[in-house]
């Protein structure tokens, strides 16, 4: 039984770089995205993957990811998605 869910690193900027194969928003591969959605994926794997994706980012990409992911963990929605919804209303 899980005591605390580990929040997906998706920050709603879902576009894959054709050269690296990494998502511009979260730096995951398409395969990693699939693994996150599987019910039997362990928390240890998710924690390890979060470390891996952070190592793939640097500079403004890492700063933007950290800010939006932190907001998502605290508030349940990424900053990008929050801004998108505000623009609709």
PDB file of N, CA and C in Angstrom:
ATOM      1  N   UNK A   1       0.844  -1.183   0.000  1.00  0.00           N
ATOM      2  CA  UNK A   1       0.000   0.000   0.000  1.00  0.00           C
ATOM      3  C   UNK A   1       0.887   1.244   0.000  1.00  0.00           C
ATOM      4  N   UNK A   2       0.531   2.204  -0.798  1.00  0.00           N
ATOM      5  CA  UNK A   2       1.296   3.440  -0.885  1.00  0.00           C
ATOM      6  C   UNK A   2       0.788   4.442   0.128  1.00  0.00           C
ATOM      7  N   UNK A   3       1.726   5.054   0.829  1.00  0.00           N
ATOM      8  CA  UNK A   3       1.345   6.069   1.796  1.00  0.00           C
ATOM      9  C   UNK A   3       1.174   7.420   1.131  1.00  0.00           C
ATOM     10  N   UNK A   4       1.952   7.675   0.105  1.00  0.00           N
ATOM     11  CA  UNK A   4       1.902   8.961  -0.566  1.00  0.00           C
ATOM     12  C   UNK A   4       2.136   8.739  -2.055  1.00  0.00           C
ATOM     13  N   UNK A   5       1.258   9.278  -2.867  1.00  0.00           N
ATOM     14  CA  UNK A   5       1.444   9.154  -4.308  1.00  0.00           C
ATOM     15  C   UNK A   5       2.549  10.082  -4.771  1.00  0.00           C
ATOM     16  N   UNK A   6       3.356   9.590  -5.673  1.00  0.00           N
ATOM     17  CA  UNK A   6       4.385  10.423  -6.278  1.00  0.00           C
ATOM     18  C   UNK A   6       3.766  11.028  -7.537  1.00  0.00           C
ATOM     19  N   UNK A   7       3.763  12.331  -7.586  1.00  0.00           N
ATOM     20  CA  UNK A   7       3.100  13.065  -8.664  1.00  0.00           C
ATOM     21  C   UNK A   7       3.888  12.930  -9.970  1.00  0.00           C
ATOM     22  N   UNK A   8       3.172  12.704 -11.044  1.00  0.00           N
ATOM     23  CA  UNK A   8       3.784  12.610 -12.368  1.00  0.00           C
ATOM     24  C   UNK A   8       4.530  13.902 -12.703  1.00  0.00           C
ATOM     25  N   UNK A   9       5.690  13.793 -13.359  1.00  0.00           N
ATOM     26  CA  UNK A   9       6.447  14.983 -13.720  1.00  0.00           C
ATOM     27  C   UNK A   9       5.888  15.754 -14.923  1.00  0.00           C
ATOM     28  N   UNK A  10       4.779  15.301 -15.481  1.00  0.00           N
ATOM     29  CA  UNK A  10       4.195  16.015 -16.618  1.00  0.00           C
ATOM     30  C   UNK A  10       3.800  17.425 -16.186  1.00  0.00           C
ATOM     31  N   UNK A  11       4.293  18.425 -16.923  1.00  0.00           N
ATOM     32  CA  UNK A  11       3.921  19.816 -16.617  1.00  0.00           C
ATOM     33  C   UNK A  11       3.101  20.426 -17.755  1.00  0.00           C
ATOM     34  N   UNK A  12       2.454  19.553 -18.538  1.00  0.00           N
ATOM     35  CA  UNK A  12       1.505  19.951 -19.589  1.00  0.00           C
ATOM     36  C   UNK A  12       2.147  20.672 -20.766  1.00  0.00           C
ATOM     37  N   UNK A  13       3.424  20.415 -20.994  1.00  0.00           N
ATOM     38  CA  UNK A  13       4.103  20.904 -22.200  1.00  0.00           C
ATOM     39  C   UNK A  13       4.570  19.645 -22.918  1.00  0.00           C
ATOM     40  N   UNK A  14       3.658  19.015 -23.623  1.00  0.00           N
ATOM     41  CA  UNK A  14       3.876  17.674 -24.158  1.00  0.00           C
ATOM     42  C   UNK A  14       4.257  17.712 -25.636  1.00  0.00           C
ATOM     43  N   UNK A  15       5.531  17.827 -25.863  1.00  0.00           N
ATOM     44  CA  UNK A  15       6.059  17.827 -27.229  1.00  0.00           C
ATOM     45  C   UNK A  15       7.426  17.168 -27.160  1.00  0.00           C
ATOM     46  N   UNK A  16       7.658  16.179 -27.995  1.00  0.00           N
ATOM     47  CA  UNK A  16       8.903  15.425 -27.954  1.00  0.00           C
ATOM     48  C   UNK A  16       9.919  15.981 -28.935  1.00  0.00           C
ATOM     49  N   UNK A  17      11.127  16.184 -28.448  1.00  0.00           N
ATOM     50  CA  UNK A  17      12.241  16.619 -29.286  1.00  0.00           C
ATOM     51  C   UNK A  17      12.596  15.470 -30.230  1.00  0.00           C
ATOM     52  N   UNK A  18      12.572  15.708 -31.547  1.00  0.00           N
ATOM     53  CA  UNK A  18      12.831  14.622 -32.487  1.00  0.00           C
ATOM     54  C   UNK A  18      14.280  14.125 -32.465  1.00  0.00           C
ATOM     55  N   UNK A  19      15.194  14.914 -31.956  1.00  0.00           N
ATOM     56  CA  UNK A  19      16.606  14.513 -31.915  1.00  0.00           C
ATOM     57  C   UNK A  19      16.897  13.665 -30.683  1.00  0.00           C
ATOM     58  N   UNK A  20      16.500  14.148 -29.501  1.00  0.00           N
ATOM     59  CA  UNK A  20      16.821  13.442 -28.258  1.00  0.00           C
ATOM     60  C   UNK A  20      15.775  12.396 -27.881  1.00  0.00           C
ATOM     61  N   UNK A  21      14.539  12.602 -28.312  1.00  0.00           N
ATOM     62  CA  UNK A  21      13.452  11.717 -27.904  1.00  0.00           C
ATOM     63  C   UNK A  21      12.891  12.077 -26.543  1.00  0.00           C
ATOM     64  N   UNK A  22      13.316  13.214 -25.978  1.00  0.00           N
ATOM     65  CA  UNK A  22      12.850  13.665 -24.677  1.00  0.00           C
ATOM     66  C   UNK A  22      11.761  14.721 -24.844  1.00  0.00           C
ATOM     67  N   UNK A  23      10.801  14.691 -23.931  1.00  0.00           N
ATOM     68  CA  UNK A  23       9.748  15.697 -23.909  1.00  0.00           C
ATOM     69  C   UNK A  23      10.361  17.047 -23.530  1.00  0.00           C
ATOM     70  N   UNK A  24       9.952  18.094 -24.215  1.00  0.00           N
ATOM     71  CA  UNK A  24      10.466  19.434 -23.907  1.00  0.00           C
ATOM     72  C   UNK A  24      10.071  19.877 -22.495  1.00  0.00           C
ATOM     73  N   UNK A  25       8.911  19.447 -22.016  1.00  0.00           N
ATOM     74  CA  UNK A  25       8.438  19.874 -20.706  1.00  0.00           C
ATOM     75  C   UNK A  25       9.048  19.108 -19.549  1.00  0.00           C
ATOM     76  N   UNK A  26       9.038  17.768 -19.637  1.00  0.00           N
ATOM     77  CA  UNK A  26       9.457  16.953 -18.489  1.00  0.00           C
ATOM     78  C   UNK A  26      10.703  16.109 -18.738  1.00  0.00           C
ATOM     79  N   UNK A  27      11.212  16.103 -19.950  1.00  0.00           N
ATOM     80  CA  UNK A  27      12.432  15.374 -20.314  1.00  0.00           C
ATOM     81  C   UNK A  27      12.299  13.854 -20.209  1.00  0.00           C
ATOM     82  N   UNK A  28      11.059  13.356 -20.249  1.00  0.00           N
ATOM     83  CA  UNK A  28      10.875  11.909 -20.257  1.00  0.00           C
ATOM     84  C   UNK A  28      10.792  11.400 -21.686  1.00  0.00           C
ATOM     85  N   UNK A  29      11.138  10.125 -21.861  1.00  0.00           N
ATOM     86  CA  UNK A  29      10.926   9.464 -23.142  1.00  0.00           C
ATOM     87  C   UNK A  29       9.470   9.007 -23.202  1.00  0.00           C
ATOM     88  N   UNK A  30       9.005   8.654 -24.378  1.00  0.00           N
ATOM     89  CA  UNK A  30       7.637   8.140 -24.497  1.00  0.00           C
ATOM     90  C   UNK A  30       7.473   6.858 -23.681  1.00  0.00           C
ATOM     91  N   UNK A  31       8.516   6.022 -23.650  1.00  0.00           N
ATOM     92  CA  UNK A  31       8.465   4.783 -22.867  1.00  0.00           C
ATOM     93  C   UNK A  31       8.336   5.087 -21.378  1.00  0.00           C
ATOM     94  N   UNK A  32       9.087   6.061 -20.896  1.00  0.00           N
ATOM     95  CA  UNK A  32       8.992   6.443 -19.485  1.00  0.00           C
ATOM     96  C   UNK A  32       7.593   6.965 -19.150  1.00  0.00           C
ATOM     97  N   UNK A  33       7.003   7.709 -20.063  1.00  0.00           N
ATOM     98  CA  UNK A  33       5.642   8.205 -19.840  1.00  0.00           C
ATOM     99  C   UNK A  33       4.673   7.040 -19.677  1.00  0.00           C
ATOM    100  N   UNK A  34       4.829   6.002 -20.480  1.00  0.00           N
ATOM    101  CA  UNK A  34       3.965   4.817 -20.379  1.00  0.00           C
ATOM    102  C   UNK A  34       4.164   4.114 -19.045  1.00  0.00           C
ATOM    103  N   UNK A  35       5.415   3.980 -18.615  1.00  0.00           N
ATOM    104  CA  UNK A  35       5.711   3.290 -17.359  1.00  0.00           C
ATOM    105  C   UNK A  35       5.067   4.018 -16.176  1.00  0.00           C
ATOM    106  N   UNK A  36       5.093   5.357 -16.199  1.00  0.00           N
ATOM    107  CA  UNK A  36       4.471   6.140 -15.115  1.00  0.00           C
ATOM    108  C   UNK A  36       2.997   5.801 -14.966  1.00  0.00           C
ATOM    109  N   UNK A  37       2.314   5.479 -16.057  1.00  0.00           N
ATOM    110  CA  UNK A  37       0.869   5.245 -16.018  1.00  0.00           C
ATOM    111  C   UNK A  37       0.498   3.826 -15.581  1.00  0.00           C
ATOM    112  N   UNK A  38       1.466   2.916 -15.549  1.00  0.00           N
ATOM    113  CA  UNK A  38       1.179   1.535 -15.181  1.00  0.00           C
ATOM    114  C   UNK A  38       0.932   1.435 -13.672  1.00  0.00           C
ATOM    115  N   UNK A  39      -0.087   0.695 -13.303  1.00  0.00           N
ATOM    116  CA  UNK A  39      -0.466   0.568 -11.889  1.00  0.00           C
ATOM    117  C   UNK A  39       0.602  -0.088 -11.032  1.00  0.00           C
ATOM    118  N   UNK A  40       1.413  -0.957 -11.613  1.00  0.00           N
ATOM    119  CA  UNK A  40       2.397  -1.694 -10.823  1.00  0.00           C
ATOM    120  C   UNK A  40       3.782  -1.036 -10.807  1.00  0.00           C
ATOM    121  N   UNK A  41       3.889   0.190 -11.331  1.00  0.00           N
ATOM    122  CA  UNK A  41       5.170   0.892 -11.298  1.00  0.00           C
ATOM    123  C   UNK A  41       5.476   1.300  -9.861  1.00  0.00           C
ATOM    124  N   UNK A  42       6.668   0.927  -9.401  1.00  0.00           N
ATOM    125  CA  UNK A  42       7.026   1.183  -8.004  1.00  0.00           C
ATOM    126  C   UNK A  42       7.370   2.649  -7.753  1.00  0.00           C
ATOM    127  N   UNK A  43       7.193   3.059  -6.513  1.00  0.00           N
ATOM    128  CA  UNK A  43       7.576   4.412  -6.112  1.00  0.00           C
ATOM    129  C   UNK A  43       9.085   4.597  -6.254  1.00  0.00           C
ATOM    130  N   UNK A  44       9.850   3.537  -5.996  1.00  0.00           N
ATOM    131  CA  UNK A  44      11.304   3.626  -6.152  1.00  0.00           C
ATOM    132  C   UNK A  44      11.681   3.940  -7.596  1.00  0.00           C
ATOM    133  N   UNK A  45      10.988   3.301  -8.554  1.00  0.00           N
ATOM    134  CA  UNK A  45      11.263   3.583  -9.963  1.00  0.00           C
ATOM    135  C   UNK A  45      10.927   5.044 -10.277  1.00  0.00           C
ATOM    136  N   UNK A  46       9.798   5.509  -9.779  1.00  0.00           N
ATOM    137  CA  UNK A  46       9.377   6.887 -10.041  1.00  0.00           C
ATOM    138  C   UNK A  46      10.373   7.886  -9.459  1.00  0.00           C
ATOM    139  N   UNK A  47      10.827   7.646  -8.228  1.00  0.00           N
ATOM    140  CA  UNK A  47      11.822   8.534  -7.610  1.00  0.00           C
ATOM    141  C   UNK A  47      13.111   8.548  -8.422  1.00  0.00           C
ATOM    142  N   UNK A  48      13.530   7.381  -8.871  1.00  0.00           N
ATOM    143  CA  UNK A  48      14.738   7.275  -9.684  1.00  0.00           C
ATOM    144  C   UNK A  48      14.564   8.003 -11.015  1.00  0.00           C
ATOM    145  N   UNK A  49      13.394   7.861 -11.618  1.00  0.00           N
ATOM    146  CA  UNK A  49      13.133   8.525 -12.889  1.00  0.00           C
ATOM    147  C   UNK A  49      13.120  10.038 -12.734  1.00  0.00           C
ATOM    148  N   UNK A  50      12.573  10.523 -11.620  1.00  0.00           N
ATOM    149  CA  UNK A  50      12.597  11.967 -11.366  1.00  0.00           C
ATOM    150  C   UNK A  50      14.033  12.482 -11.299  1.00  0.00           C
ATOM    151  N   UNK A  51      14.917  11.724 -10.673  1.00  0.00           N
ATOM    152  CA  UNK A  51      16.337  12.108 -10.629  1.00  0.00           C
ATOM    153  C   UNK A  51      16.936  12.099 -12.026  1.00  0.00           C
ATOM    154  N   UNK A  52      16.622  11.058 -12.795  1.00  0.00           N
ATOM    155  CA  UNK A  52      17.160  10.934 -14.156  1.00  0.00           C
ATOM    156  C   UNK A  52      16.740  12.097 -15.048  1.00  0.00           C
ATOM    157  N   UNK A  53      15.450  12.455 -14.988  1.00  0.00           N
ATOM    158  CA  UNK A  53      14.992  13.517 -15.888  1.00  0.00           C
ATOM    159  C   UNK A  53      15.581  14.868 -15.500  1.00  0.00           C
ATOM    160  N   UNK A  54      15.779  15.076 -14.206  1.00  0.00           N
ATOM    161  CA  UNK A  54      16.407  16.341 -13.779  1.00  0.00           C
ATOM    162  C   UNK A  54      17.839  16.440 -14.298  1.00  0.00           C
ATOM    163  N   UNK A  55      18.529  15.318 -14.387  1.00  0.00           N
ATOM    164  CA  UNK A  55      19.895  15.306 -14.921  1.00  0.00           C
ATOM    165  C   UNK A  55      19.929  15.634 -16.414  1.00  0.00           C
ATOM    166  N   UNK A  56      18.825  15.389 -17.100  1.00  0.00           N
ATOM    167  CA  UNK A  56      18.748  15.674 -18.545  1.00  0.00           C
ATOM    168  C   UNK A  56      18.516  17.150 -18.829  1.00  0.00           C
ATOM    169  N   UNK A  57      18.071  17.887 -17.827  1.00  0.00           N
ATOM    170  CA  UNK A  57      17.742  19.300 -18.015  1.00  0.00           C
ATOM    171  C   UNK A  57      18.825  20.184 -17.414  1.00  0.00           C
ATOM    172  N   UNK A  58      18.873  21.412 -17.906  1.00  0.00           N
ATOM    173  CA  UNK A  58      19.771  22.408 -17.324  1.00  0.00           C
ATOM    174  C   UNK A  58      19.218  23.795 -17.628  1.00  0.00           C
ATOM    175  N   UNK A  59      19.801  24.783 -16.984  1.00  0.00           N
ATOM    176  CA  UNK A  59      19.436  26.178 -17.259  1.00  0.00           C
ATOM    177  C   UNK A  59      17.957  26.452 -17.088  1.00  0.00           C
ATOM    178  N   UNK A  60      17.428  27.243 -18.007  1.00  0.00           N
ATOM    179  CA  UNK A  60      16.039  27.679 -17.901  1.00  0.00           C
ATOM    180  C   UNK A  60      15.060  26.520 -17.960  1.00  0.00           C
ATOM    181  N   UNK A  61      15.393  25.439 -18.708  1.00  0.00           N
ATOM    182  CA  UNK A  61      14.474  24.300 -18.784  1.00  0.00           C
ATOM    183  C   UNK A  61      14.300  23.662 -17.403  1.00  0.00           C
ATOM    184  N   UNK A  62      15.409  23.469 -16.700  1.00  0.00           N
ATOM    185  CA  UNK A  62      15.347  22.888 -15.365  1.00  0.00           C
ATOM    186  C   UNK A  62      14.636  23.836 -14.400  1.00  0.00           C
ATOM    187  N   UNK A  63      14.946  25.125 -14.477  1.00  0.00           N
ATOM    188  CA  UNK A  63      14.292  26.117 -13.609  1.00  0.00           C
ATOM    189  C   UNK A  63      12.777  26.120 -13.818  1.00  0.00           C
ATOM    190  N   UNK A  64      12.359  26.118 -15.077  1.00  0.00           N
ATOM    191  CA  UNK A  64      10.938  26.128 -15.413  1.00  0.00           C
ATOM    192  C   UNK A  64      10.256  24.856 -14.941  1.00  0.00           C
ATOM    193  N   UNK A  65      10.927  23.713 -15.174  1.00  0.00           N
ATOM    194  CA  UNK A  65      10.370  22.443 -14.716  1.00  0.00           C
ATOM    195  C   UNK A  65      10.189  22.448 -13.203  1.00  0.00           C
ATOM    196  N   UNK A  66      11.232  22.837 -12.468  1.00  0.00           N
ATOM    197  CA  UNK A  66      11.173  22.822 -11.007  1.00  0.00           C
ATOM    198  C   UNK A  66      10.048  23.713 -10.485  1.00  0.00           C
ATOM    199  N   UNK A  67       9.907  24.893 -11.051  1.00  0.00           N
ATOM    200  CA  UNK A  67       8.856  25.813 -10.610  1.00  0.00           C
ATOM    201  C   UNK A  67       7.464  25.233 -10.876  1.00  0.00           C
ATOM    202  N   UNK A  68       7.265  24.718 -12.081  1.00  0.00           N
ATOM    203  CA  UNK A  68       5.948  24.201 -12.434  1.00  0.00           C
ATOM    204  C   UNK A  68       5.637  22.893 -11.711  1.00  0.00           C
ATOM    205  N   UNK A  69       6.637  22.015 -11.592  1.00  0.00           N
ATOM    206  CA  UNK A  69       6.414  20.738 -10.898  1.00  0.00           C
ATOM    207  C   UNK A  69       6.127  20.972  -9.414  1.00  0.00           C
ATOM    208  N   UNK A  70       6.844  21.886  -8.802  1.00  0.00           N
ATOM    209  CA  UNK A  70       6.614  22.220  -7.402  1.00  0.00           C
ATOM    210  C   UNK A  70       5.190  22.730  -7.207  1.00  0.00           C
ATOM    211  N   UNK A  71       4.738  23.590  -8.105  1.00  0.00           N
ATOM    212  CA  UNK A  71       3.374  24.113  -8.047  1.00  0.00           C
ATOM    213  C   UNK A  71       2.374  22.969  -8.194  1.00  0.00           C
ATOM    214  N   UNK A  72       2.646  22.040  -9.113  1.00  0.00           N
ATOM    215  CA  UNK A  72       1.751  20.904  -9.337  1.00  0.00           C
ATOM    216  C   UNK A  72       1.665  20.027  -8.091  1.00  0.00           C
ATOM    217  N   UNK A  73       2.791  19.774  -7.446  1.00  0.00           N
ATOM    218  CA  UNK A  73       2.804  18.949  -6.239  1.00  0.00           C
ATOM    219  C   UNK A  73       1.997  19.622  -5.125  1.00  0.00           C
ATOM    220  N   UNK A  74       2.137  20.938  -4.990  1.00  0.00           N
ATOM    221  CA  UNK A  74       1.453  21.666  -3.909  1.00  0.00           C
ATOM    222  C   UNK A  74      -0.021  21.937  -4.212  1.00  0.00           C
ATOM    223  N   UNK A  75      -0.312  22.297  -5.475  1.00  0.00           N
ATOM    224  CA  UNK A  75      -1.658  22.768  -5.821  1.00  0.00           C
ATOM    225  C   UNK A  75      -2.460  21.810  -6.711  1.00  0.00           C
ATOM    226  N   UNK A  76      -1.798  20.764  -7.234  1.00  0.00           N
ATOM    227  CA  UNK A  76      -2.511  19.788  -8.052  1.00  0.00           C
ATOM    228  C   UNK A  76      -2.613  20.130  -9.530  1.00  0.00           C
ATOM    229  N   UNK A  77      -1.954  21.215  -9.932  1.00  0.00           N
ATOM    230  CA  UNK A  77      -2.016  21.617 -11.342  1.00  0.00           C
ATOM    231  C   UNK A  77      -0.707  22.328 -11.706  1.00  0.00           C
ATOM    232  N   UNK A  78      -0.198  22.037 -12.893  1.00  0.00           N
ATOM    233  CA  UNK A  78       1.037  22.690 -13.323  1.00  0.00           C
ATOM    234  C   UNK A  78       0.769  24.160 -13.639  1.00  0.00           C
ATOM    235  N   UNK A  79       1.810  24.967 -13.581  1.00  0.00           N
ATOM    236  CA  UNK A  79       1.648  26.395 -13.883  1.00  0.00           C
ATOM    237  C   UNK A  79       1.185  26.608 -15.320  1.00  0.00           C
ATOM    238  N   UNK A  80       1.714  25.827 -16.248  1.00  0.00           N
ATOM    239  CA  UNK A  80       1.328  25.970 -17.658  1.00  0.00           C
ATOM    240  C   UNK A  80      -0.164  25.704 -17.835  1.00  0.00           C
ATOM    241  N   UNK A  81      -0.650  24.624 -17.221  1.00  0.00           N
ATOM    242  CA  UNK A  81      -2.069  24.295 -17.330  1.00  0.00           C
ATOM    243  C   UNK A  81      -2.921  25.354 -16.639  1.00  0.00           C
ATOM    244  N   UNK A  82      -2.466  25.847 -15.486  1.00  0.00           N
ATOM    245  CA  UNK A  82      -3.191  26.886 -14.758  1.00  0.00           C
ATOM    246  C   UNK A  82      -3.335  28.138 -15.631  1.00  0.00           C
ATOM    247  N   UNK A  83      -2.244  28.559 -16.275  1.00  0.00           N
ATOM    248  CA  UNK A  83      -2.290  29.747 -17.139  1.00  0.00           C
ATOM    249  C   UNK A  83      -3.209  29.513 -18.335  1.00  0.00           C
ATOM    250  N   UNK A  84      -3.158  28.306 -18.893  1.00  0.00           N
ATOM    251  CA  UNK A  84      -4.018  27.980 -20.035  1.00  0.00           C
ATOM    252  C   UNK A  84      -5.480  28.090 -19.656  1.00  0.00           C
ATOM    253  N   UNK A  85      -5.829  27.578 -18.479  1.00  0.00           N
ATOM    254  CA  UNK A  85      -7.226  27.641 -18.034  1.00  0.00           C
ATOM    255  C   UNK A  85      -7.651  29.069 -17.728  1.00  0.00           C
ATOM    256  N   UNK A  86      -6.747  29.878 -17.215  1.00  0.00           N
ATOM    257  CA  UNK A  86      -7.066  31.285 -16.938  1.00  0.00           C
ATOM    258  C   UNK A  86      -7.345  32.043 -18.233  1.00  0.00           C
ATOM    259  N   UNK A  87      -6.648  31.690 -19.301  1.00  0.00           N
ATOM    260  CA  UNK A  87      -6.833  32.362 -20.588  1.00  0.00           C
ATOM    261  C   UNK A  87      -8.163  31.992 -21.242  1.00  0.00           C
ATOM    262  N   UNK A  88      -8.741  30.861 -20.864  1.00  0.00           N
ATOM    263  CA  UNK A  88     -10.006  30.421 -21.425  1.00  0.00           C
ATOM    264  C   UNK A  88     -11.162  31.219 -20.816  1.00  0.00           C
ATOM    265  N   UNK A  89     -11.063  31.517 -19.508  1.00  0.00           N
ATOM    266  CA  UNK A  89     -12.175  32.207 -18.841  1.00  0.00           C
ATOM    267  C   UNK A  89     -12.159  33.678 -19.020  1.00  0.00           C
TER     268      UNK A  89
END
